[in-house]
N, C-alpha and C. Protein backbone atom coordinates (compact mmCIF):
# COMPACT_ATOMS: atom_id res chain seq x y z
N UNK A 1 24.19 -10.29 -40.48
CA UNK A 1 23.14 -9.85 -39.91
C UNK A 1 21.69 -9.63 -40.72
N UNK A 2 20.86 -10.60 -40.61
CA UNK A 2 19.74 -10.49 -41.58
C UNK A 2 18.71 -9.88 -40.92
N UNK A 3 18.00 -9.26 -41.44
CA UNK A 3 16.90 -8.28 -40.72
C UNK A 3 15.53 -9.15 -41.65
N UNK A 4 14.79 -9.34 -40.53
CA UNK A 4 13.26 -9.90 -41.27
C UNK A 4 11.92 -8.48 -41.58
N UNK A 5 11.18 -9.04 -42.36
CA UNK A 5 9.98 -8.64 -42.52
C UNK A 5 9.29 -7.88 -41.56
N UNK A 6 8.80 -6.88 -41.93
CA UNK A 6 7.65 -6.02 -40.84
C UNK A 6 6.74 -6.69 -40.81
N UNK A 7 6.20 -7.04 -39.46
CA UNK A 7 5.26 -7.57 -38.82
C UNK A 7 4.21 -6.89 -38.24
N UNK A 8 2.90 -6.75 -38.60
CA UNK A 8 1.83 -6.14 -37.80
C UNK A 8 1.16 -7.01 -36.74
N UNK A 9 0.55 -6.08 -35.84
CA UNK A 9 -0.35 -7.04 -34.88
C UNK A 9 0.19 -8.22 -34.01
N UNK A 10 1.58 -7.95 -33.94
CA UNK A 10 2.15 -9.07 -32.89
C UNK A 10 2.30 -8.89 -31.47
N UNK A 11 1.65 -9.51 -31.02
CA UNK A 11 1.58 -9.27 -29.40
C UNK A 11 2.77 -9.12 -28.35
N UNK A 12 2.89 -8.32 -27.57
CA UNK A 12 3.96 -8.34 -26.86
C UNK A 12 3.53 -9.25 -25.68
N UNK A 13 4.45 -10.56 -25.43
CA UNK A 13 4.24 -11.31 -24.39
C UNK A 13 4.28 -10.55 -22.78
N UNK A 14 3.46 -11.17 -22.12
CA UNK A 14 3.55 -10.77 -20.78
C UNK A 14 4.75 -10.79 -20.09
N UNK A 15 5.09 -10.08 -18.96
CA UNK A 15 6.29 -10.08 -18.39
C UNK A 15 5.94 -10.88 -16.90
N UNK A 16 6.90 -12.00 -17.06
CA UNK A 16 7.23 -12.98 -15.67
C UNK A 16 8.16 -12.64 -15.22
N UNK A 17 8.03 -12.19 -13.97
CA UNK A 17 9.77 -11.83 -13.12
C UNK A 17 10.15 -13.56 -12.76
N UNK A 18 11.26 -13.62 -12.78
CA UNK A 18 11.98 -14.44 -12.08
C UNK A 18 11.70 -14.90 -10.74
N UNK A 19 11.06 -13.69 -9.63
CA UNK A 19 11.71 -13.65 -8.55
C UNK A 19 10.31 -13.04 -8.50
N UNK A 20 9.38 -13.82 -7.44
CA UNK A 20 7.68 -13.14 -7.52
C UNK A 20 7.61 -12.17 -6.41
N UNK A 21 8.14 -10.70 -7.31
CA UNK A 21 7.32 -9.38 -6.71
C UNK A 21 6.25 -9.49 -7.16
N UNK A 22 5.58 -8.32 -6.01
CA UNK A 22 4.11 -8.60 -6.75
C UNK A 22 3.71 -7.48 -7.39
N UNK A 23 4.63 -7.11 -8.31
CA UNK A 23 4.63 -5.76 -9.22
C UNK A 23 3.03 -5.53 -10.27
N UNK A 24 2.49 -6.82 -10.51
CA UNK A 24 1.66 -7.11 -11.65
C UNK A 24 0.05 -6.82 -10.75
N UNK A 25 0.27 -6.72 -9.49
CA UNK A 25 -1.21 -6.93 -8.63
C UNK A 25 -1.26 -5.06 -7.97
N UNK A 26 -0.05 -4.85 -8.16
CA UNK A 26 0.04 -3.29 -7.36
C UNK A 26 -0.65 -2.12 -8.38
N UNK A 27 -1.39 -1.58 -7.66
CA UNK A 27 -2.19 -0.09 -8.29
C UNK A 27 -1.41 1.06 -8.02
N UNK A 28 -1.96 2.14 -8.79
CA UNK A 28 -1.20 3.29 -8.50
C UNK A 28 -1.54 3.74 -7.13
N UNK A 29 -0.28 3.97 -6.39
CA UNK A 29 -0.88 4.53 -5.00
C UNK A 29 -0.46 3.49 -3.84
N UNK A 30 -0.41 2.19 -4.43
CA UNK A 30 0.21 1.25 -3.41
C UNK A 30 1.63 1.02 -3.17
N UNK A 31 2.00 0.40 -1.87
CA UNK A 31 3.47 0.30 -1.71
C UNK A 31 3.49 -1.15 -1.13
N UNK A 32 5.04 -1.63 -1.22
CA UNK A 32 4.60 -2.84 -0.96
C UNK A 32 6.67 -2.88 0.25
N UNK A 33 6.37 -3.34 1.58
CA UNK A 33 7.78 -3.61 1.79
C UNK A 33 8.52 -4.58 1.78
N UNK A 34 9.92 -4.43 1.42
CA UNK A 34 10.22 -5.66 1.42
C UNK A 34 11.75 -5.85 2.28
N UNK A 35 11.57 -6.98 3.22
CA UNK A 35 12.34 -6.85 4.48
C UNK A 35 13.64 -7.25 4.36
N UNK A 36 14.91 -6.64 4.62
CA UNK A 36 16.04 -7.39 4.67
C UNK A 36 16.32 -9.00 5.74
N UNK A 37 16.78 -9.94 5.28
CA UNK A 37 17.23 -11.08 6.02
C UNK A 37 18.37 -11.00 6.47
N UNK A 38 18.29 -11.62 7.67
CA UNK A 38 19.57 -12.12 8.56
C UNK A 38 20.58 -10.44 8.11
N UNK A 39 21.50 -10.90 7.52
CA UNK A 39 22.54 -9.60 8.03
C UNK A 39 22.56 -9.17 6.26
N UNK A 40 21.43 -9.03 5.56
CA UNK A 40 21.45 -8.62 3.97
C UNK A 40 21.72 -6.82 4.20
N UNK A 41 22.50 -6.56 3.71
CA UNK A 41 23.02 -5.03 3.37
C UNK A 41 21.71 -4.42 2.73
N UNK A 42 21.34 -3.45 3.53
CA UNK A 42 20.07 -2.71 2.72
C UNK A 42 20.59 -2.07 1.44
N UNK A 43 21.72 -1.52 1.40
CA UNK A 43 21.90 -1.00 -0.24
C UNK A 43 22.42 -2.23 -1.34
N UNK A 44 22.43 -3.63 -0.76
CA UNK A 44 22.44 -4.42 -2.06
C UNK A 44 21.02 -5.00 -2.30
N UNK A 45 19.92 -5.04 -1.14
CA UNK A 45 19.13 -5.03 -1.29
C UNK A 45 17.97 -4.25 -2.50
N UNK A 46 18.38 -2.72 -2.01
CA UNK A 46 17.90 -1.98 -3.05
C UNK A 46 18.18 -2.07 -4.18
N UNK A 47 19.52 -2.43 -4.53
CA UNK A 47 20.30 -2.90 -5.62
C UNK A 47 19.80 -3.77 -6.85
N UNK A 48 18.96 -4.67 -6.13
CA UNK A 48 18.42 -5.77 -6.60
C UNK A 48 16.62 -5.68 -6.75
N UNK A 49 15.81 -5.12 -5.57
CA UNK A 49 14.65 -4.72 -5.92
C UNK A 49 14.67 -3.64 -6.87
N UNK A 50 14.95 -2.50 -6.78
CA UNK A 50 14.96 -1.01 -7.52
C UNK A 50 15.12 -1.65 -8.84
N UNK A 51 16.26 -2.29 -9.51
CA UNK A 51 16.08 -2.34 -11.09
C UNK A 51 15.03 -3.61 -11.82
N UNK A 52 14.58 -4.76 -10.87
CA UNK A 52 13.41 -5.36 -10.79
C UNK A 52 12.37 -4.63 -11.00
N UNK A 53 11.74 -3.65 -10.09
CA UNK A 53 10.72 -3.01 -10.32
C UNK A 53 10.59 -1.86 -11.55
N UNK A 54 11.83 -1.44 -11.76
CA UNK A 54 12.32 -0.76 -13.27
C UNK A 54 11.99 -1.34 -14.27
N UNK A 55 12.78 -2.37 -14.46
CA UNK A 55 12.62 -3.56 -15.81
C UNK A 55 11.12 -3.78 -16.00
N UNK A 56 10.30 -4.35 -14.82
CA UNK A 56 9.00 -4.67 -14.88
C UNK A 56 8.27 -3.39 -15.50
N UNK A 57 8.52 -2.15 -14.60
CA UNK A 57 7.84 -1.01 -15.40
C UNK A 57 8.34 -0.17 -16.52
N UNK A 58 9.43 -0.65 -17.19
CA UNK A 58 9.62 -0.31 -18.88
C UNK A 58 9.14 -1.32 -19.42
N UNK A 59 8.87 -2.22 -18.87
CA UNK A 59 7.91 -3.45 -19.85
C UNK A 59 6.57 -3.38 -20.02
N UNK A 60 5.58 -2.56 -18.87
CA UNK A 60 4.52 -2.61 -18.81
C UNK A 60 4.10 -1.00 -18.66
N UNK A 61 5.00 0.03 -18.92
CA UNK A 61 4.61 0.91 -19.07
C UNK A 61 4.23 1.74 -17.49
N UNK A 62 4.57 0.99 -16.34
CA UNK A 62 4.07 1.06 -15.23
C UNK A 62 5.43 1.76 -14.50
N UNK A 63 5.06 2.78 -13.59
CA UNK A 63 6.31 3.27 -13.10
C UNK A 63 6.28 3.34 -11.55
N UNK A 64 7.64 3.11 -10.67
CA UNK A 64 7.82 2.68 -9.45
C UNK A 64 8.90 3.32 -8.76
N UNK A 65 8.94 3.61 -7.58
CA UNK A 65 9.58 4.82 -6.71
C UNK A 65 9.87 3.18 -5.38
N UNK A 66 11.85 3.32 -5.51
CA UNK A 66 12.30 2.69 -4.73
C UNK A 66 13.13 3.28 -3.26
N UNK A 67 12.35 3.36 -2.12
CA UNK A 67 13.34 3.92 -1.20
C UNK A 67 13.84 2.79 0.03
N UNK A 68 14.96 3.36 0.61
CA UNK A 68 15.58 2.33 1.65
C UNK A 68 14.79 2.93 3.11
N UNK A 69 14.03 2.04 3.83
CA UNK A 69 13.70 2.41 5.15
C UNK A 69 14.31 1.69 6.38
N UNK A 70 15.14 2.74 6.63
CA UNK A 70 16.25 1.81 7.70
C UNK A 70 15.38 1.54 9.15
N UNK A 71 14.68 2.55 9.48
CA UNK A 71 14.02 2.06 10.66
C UNK A 71 13.02 0.96 10.78
N UNK A 72 12.91 0.45 9.38
CA UNK A 72 12.25 -1.25 9.57
C UNK A 72 13.21 -2.10 8.89
N UNK A 73 14.40 -1.83 8.66
CA UNK A 73 15.41 -2.55 7.71
C UNK A 73 14.78 -3.27 6.64
N UNK A 74 14.51 -2.60 5.24
CA UNK A 74 14.19 -3.19 4.50
C UNK A 74 14.20 -2.16 3.25
N UNK A 75 13.34 -2.72 2.16
CA UNK A 75 13.50 -1.45 1.13
C UNK A 75 11.52 -0.94 0.93
N UNK A 76 11.30 0.15 0.54
CA UNK A 76 9.97 0.21 0.19
C UNK A 76 9.64 0.49 -0.74
N UNK A 77 8.85 0.05 -2.02
CA UNK A 77 8.26 -0.01 -3.30
C UNK A 77 7.18 0.78 -3.78
N UNK A 78 7.00 1.80 -4.03
CA UNK A 78 5.78 2.44 -4.28
C UNK A 78 5.29 2.56 -5.81
N UNK A 79 4.06 1.95 -6.48
CA UNK A 79 3.70 2.31 -7.94
C UNK A 79 3.18 3.75 -7.49
N UNK A 80 3.99 4.71 -8.60
CA UNK A 80 3.53 5.90 -8.90
C UNK A 80 2.71 6.34 -10.06
N UNK A 81 2.93 5.49 -11.20
CA UNK A 81 2.25 5.53 -12.46
C UNK A 81 1.63 3.93 -12.82
């Protein structure tokens, strides 16, 4: 292992999601509904969408809450901070 020098004022690169979720455009209090397609399992959809929002939030200092919406057959994500 080789440890490099300490560097100052190195900018953190902007996070780019591989999937086009609207996380960057969301303000606190906004929510987005992501509908399940065809026979897609709601739990599997939540297992994909939830971590994507959390990962983006960890990298940008934002917080998200993800819940199943069985009545509408999808997942809703809120930006909370």
